N, C-alpha and C. Protein backbone atom coordinates (compact mmCIF):
# COMPACT_ATOMS: atom_id res chain seq x y z
N MET A 1 34.20 17.41 7.33
CA MET A 1 34.35 18.05 6.04
C MET A 1 33.09 17.77 5.21
N ASN A 2 32.50 18.78 4.66
CA ASN A 2 31.28 18.64 3.85
C ASN A 2 31.63 18.21 2.44
N SER A 3 30.74 17.42 1.89
CA SER A 3 30.88 16.98 0.51
C SER A 3 30.43 18.11 -0.42
N LEU A 4 31.06 18.20 -1.58
CA LEU A 4 30.67 19.22 -2.55
C LEU A 4 29.24 19.00 -3.05
N SER A 5 28.72 17.79 -2.92
CA SER A 5 27.35 17.52 -3.37
C SER A 5 26.32 18.33 -2.58
N GLU A 6 26.68 18.78 -1.36
CA GLU A 6 25.76 19.60 -0.57
C GLU A 6 25.50 20.96 -1.21
N TYR A 7 26.38 21.38 -2.11
CA TYR A 7 26.26 22.71 -2.72
C TYR A 7 25.52 22.68 -4.05
N LYS A 8 24.96 21.54 -4.40
CA LYS A 8 24.13 21.42 -5.59
C LYS A 8 22.67 21.58 -5.16
N PHE A 9 21.80 21.87 -6.12
CA PHE A 9 20.38 22.04 -5.84
C PHE A 9 19.84 20.77 -5.19
N GLY A 10 19.26 20.91 -4.01
CA GLY A 10 18.67 19.78 -3.29
C GLY A 10 19.69 18.89 -2.61
N GLY A 11 20.95 19.29 -2.57
CA GLY A 11 22.00 18.45 -2.02
C GLY A 11 22.14 18.50 -0.51
N ARG A 12 21.56 19.48 0.12
CA ARG A 12 21.70 19.62 1.57
C ARG A 12 20.52 18.94 2.25
N PRO A 13 20.78 18.10 3.25
CA PRO A 13 19.67 17.43 3.94
C PRO A 13 18.83 18.42 4.73
N VAL A 14 17.54 18.13 4.83
CA VAL A 14 16.62 18.98 5.58
C VAL A 14 16.62 18.50 7.03
N THR A 15 17.52 19.08 7.81
CA THR A 15 17.62 18.75 9.23
C THR A 15 17.25 19.98 10.03
N SER A 16 17.02 19.79 11.32
CA SER A 16 16.65 20.93 12.16
C SER A 16 17.78 21.97 12.18
N ILE A 17 19.01 21.51 12.17
CA ILE A 17 20.15 22.45 12.19
C ILE A 17 20.19 23.27 10.91
N ASN A 18 20.05 22.62 9.75
CA ASN A 18 20.08 23.35 8.48
C ASN A 18 18.90 24.30 8.35
N LEU A 19 17.74 23.89 8.84
CA LEU A 19 16.58 24.78 8.81
C LEU A 19 16.81 25.99 9.70
N LEU A 20 17.42 25.77 10.85
CA LEU A 20 17.69 26.88 11.76
C LEU A 20 18.70 27.85 11.18
N LEU A 21 19.71 27.34 10.50
CA LEU A 21 20.68 28.20 9.83
C LEU A 21 19.99 29.07 8.78
N MET A 22 19.11 28.45 8.00
CA MET A 22 18.38 29.20 6.98
C MET A 22 17.46 30.24 7.61
N LEU A 23 16.79 29.86 8.69
CA LEU A 23 15.89 30.80 9.37
C LEU A 23 16.66 32.00 9.94
N GLY A 24 17.86 31.78 10.40
CA GLY A 24 18.68 32.88 10.88
C GLY A 24 18.96 33.88 9.77
N GLU A 25 19.24 33.37 8.58
CA GLU A 25 19.46 34.25 7.43
C GLU A 25 18.18 35.01 7.08
N MET A 26 17.06 34.31 7.14
CA MET A 26 15.79 34.94 6.80
C MET A 26 15.42 36.02 7.81
N GLU A 27 15.74 35.80 9.08
CA GLU A 27 15.48 36.81 10.11
C GLU A 27 16.30 38.07 9.82
N GLY A 28 17.54 37.88 9.37
CA GLY A 28 18.38 39.02 9.02
C GLY A 28 17.82 39.80 7.85
N VAL A 29 17.36 39.09 6.82
CA VAL A 29 16.76 39.74 5.66
C VAL A 29 15.52 40.51 6.08
N TYR A 30 14.71 39.91 6.93
CA TYR A 30 13.50 40.55 7.43
C TYR A 30 13.83 41.89 8.11
N GLN A 31 14.88 41.90 8.93
CA GLN A 31 15.27 43.12 9.63
C GLN A 31 15.74 44.20 8.66
N HIS A 32 16.54 43.81 7.67
CA HIS A 32 16.99 44.78 6.67
C HIS A 32 15.79 45.39 5.93
N LEU A 33 14.84 44.56 5.54
CA LEU A 33 13.65 45.06 4.85
C LEU A 33 12.86 46.00 5.74
N LYS A 34 12.77 45.65 7.01
CA LYS A 34 12.04 46.48 7.97
C LYS A 34 12.68 47.86 8.09
N TYR A 35 13.97 47.90 8.25
CA TYR A 35 14.66 49.18 8.45
C TYR A 35 14.65 50.04 7.19
N MET A 36 14.54 49.40 6.03
CA MET A 36 14.51 50.16 4.78
C MET A 36 13.09 50.48 4.33
N GLY A 37 12.10 49.95 5.05
CA GLY A 37 10.71 50.29 4.77
C GLY A 37 10.05 49.53 3.65
N PHE A 38 10.48 48.31 3.38
CA PHE A 38 9.87 47.48 2.33
C PHE A 38 8.84 46.54 2.95
N LYS A 39 7.69 47.09 3.29
CA LYS A 39 6.64 46.36 4.02
C LYS A 39 6.14 45.14 3.25
N GLU A 40 5.88 45.28 1.96
CA GLU A 40 5.35 44.16 1.17
C GLU A 40 6.33 42.99 1.15
N ASP A 41 7.60 43.27 0.98
CA ASP A 41 8.61 42.22 0.96
C ASP A 41 8.80 41.62 2.36
N MET A 42 8.69 42.46 3.37
CA MET A 42 8.75 42.00 4.75
C MET A 42 7.66 40.97 5.03
N ASP A 43 6.46 41.27 4.56
CA ASP A 43 5.33 40.36 4.76
C ASP A 43 5.56 39.04 4.02
N ALA A 44 6.13 39.11 2.83
CA ALA A 44 6.41 37.89 2.06
C ALA A 44 7.43 37.02 2.79
N ILE A 45 8.48 37.63 3.31
CA ILE A 45 9.50 36.88 4.05
C ILE A 45 8.88 36.30 5.33
N ASN A 46 8.01 37.05 5.95
CA ASN A 46 7.37 36.57 7.18
C ASN A 46 6.54 35.32 6.91
N GLU A 47 5.82 35.28 5.80
CA GLU A 47 5.07 34.08 5.42
C GLU A 47 5.99 32.90 5.21
N MET A 48 7.11 33.14 4.54
CA MET A 48 8.08 32.08 4.31
C MET A 48 8.66 31.58 5.64
N LYS A 49 8.96 32.50 6.53
CA LYS A 49 9.52 32.11 7.84
C LYS A 49 8.56 31.20 8.58
N GLN A 50 7.28 31.52 8.55
CA GLN A 50 6.29 30.71 9.26
C GLN A 50 6.31 29.27 8.76
N LYS A 51 6.39 29.11 7.45
CA LYS A 51 6.45 27.77 6.85
C LYS A 51 7.67 27.00 7.36
N TYR A 52 8.82 27.66 7.34
CA TYR A 52 10.05 26.97 7.71
C TYR A 52 10.19 26.79 9.22
N TYR A 53 9.59 27.66 10.02
CA TYR A 53 9.58 27.43 11.47
C TYR A 53 8.77 26.17 11.79
N LYS A 54 7.64 25.97 11.10
CA LYS A 54 6.86 24.74 11.30
C LYS A 54 7.68 23.53 10.93
N MET A 55 8.38 23.61 9.81
CA MET A 55 9.23 22.50 9.39
C MET A 55 10.33 22.25 10.43
N TYR A 56 10.91 23.33 10.96
CA TYR A 56 11.97 23.19 11.96
C TYR A 56 11.45 22.46 13.19
N PHE A 57 10.31 22.90 13.74
CA PHE A 57 9.80 22.29 14.96
C PHE A 57 9.40 20.83 14.73
N ASN A 58 8.86 20.51 13.56
CA ASN A 58 8.54 19.12 13.25
C ASN A 58 9.81 18.28 13.13
N ALA A 59 10.83 18.81 12.48
CA ALA A 59 12.10 18.08 12.33
C ALA A 59 12.75 17.89 13.69
N LYS A 60 12.72 18.92 14.52
CA LYS A 60 13.32 18.84 15.85
C LYS A 60 12.62 17.77 16.69
N LYS A 61 11.28 17.74 16.62
CA LYS A 61 10.52 16.74 17.36
C LYS A 61 10.86 15.34 16.86
N LYS A 62 10.91 15.17 15.53
CA LYS A 62 11.22 13.86 14.95
C LYS A 62 12.63 13.42 15.31
N GLU A 63 13.59 14.33 15.26
CA GLU A 63 14.97 14.00 15.60
C GLU A 63 15.08 13.66 17.09
N GLY A 64 14.29 14.31 17.92
CA GLY A 64 14.30 14.02 19.37
C GLY A 64 13.79 12.62 19.67
N ARG A 65 12.82 12.16 18.90
CA ARG A 65 12.27 10.81 19.11
C ARG A 65 13.25 9.74 18.66
N THR A 66 14.06 10.02 17.64
CA THR A 66 14.95 9.01 17.11
C THR A 66 16.27 8.94 17.89
N ASN A 67 16.56 9.98 18.68
CA ASN A 67 17.83 9.98 19.45
C ASN A 67 17.64 9.53 20.85
């Protein structure tokens, strides 16, 4: 059961799982923008995705070393 504190600003831990969940949402947004023809917004989301994919792979590597 999740604590309600996770739903406050900054309350959710930055783990590889949480980053992957967020990236899944971002991939969906990217596809909607693509199909509707919003190229500029698509590019902005793509830049954001790159940042968070790097964070995901770093978190995954760090979590792998600690387990």
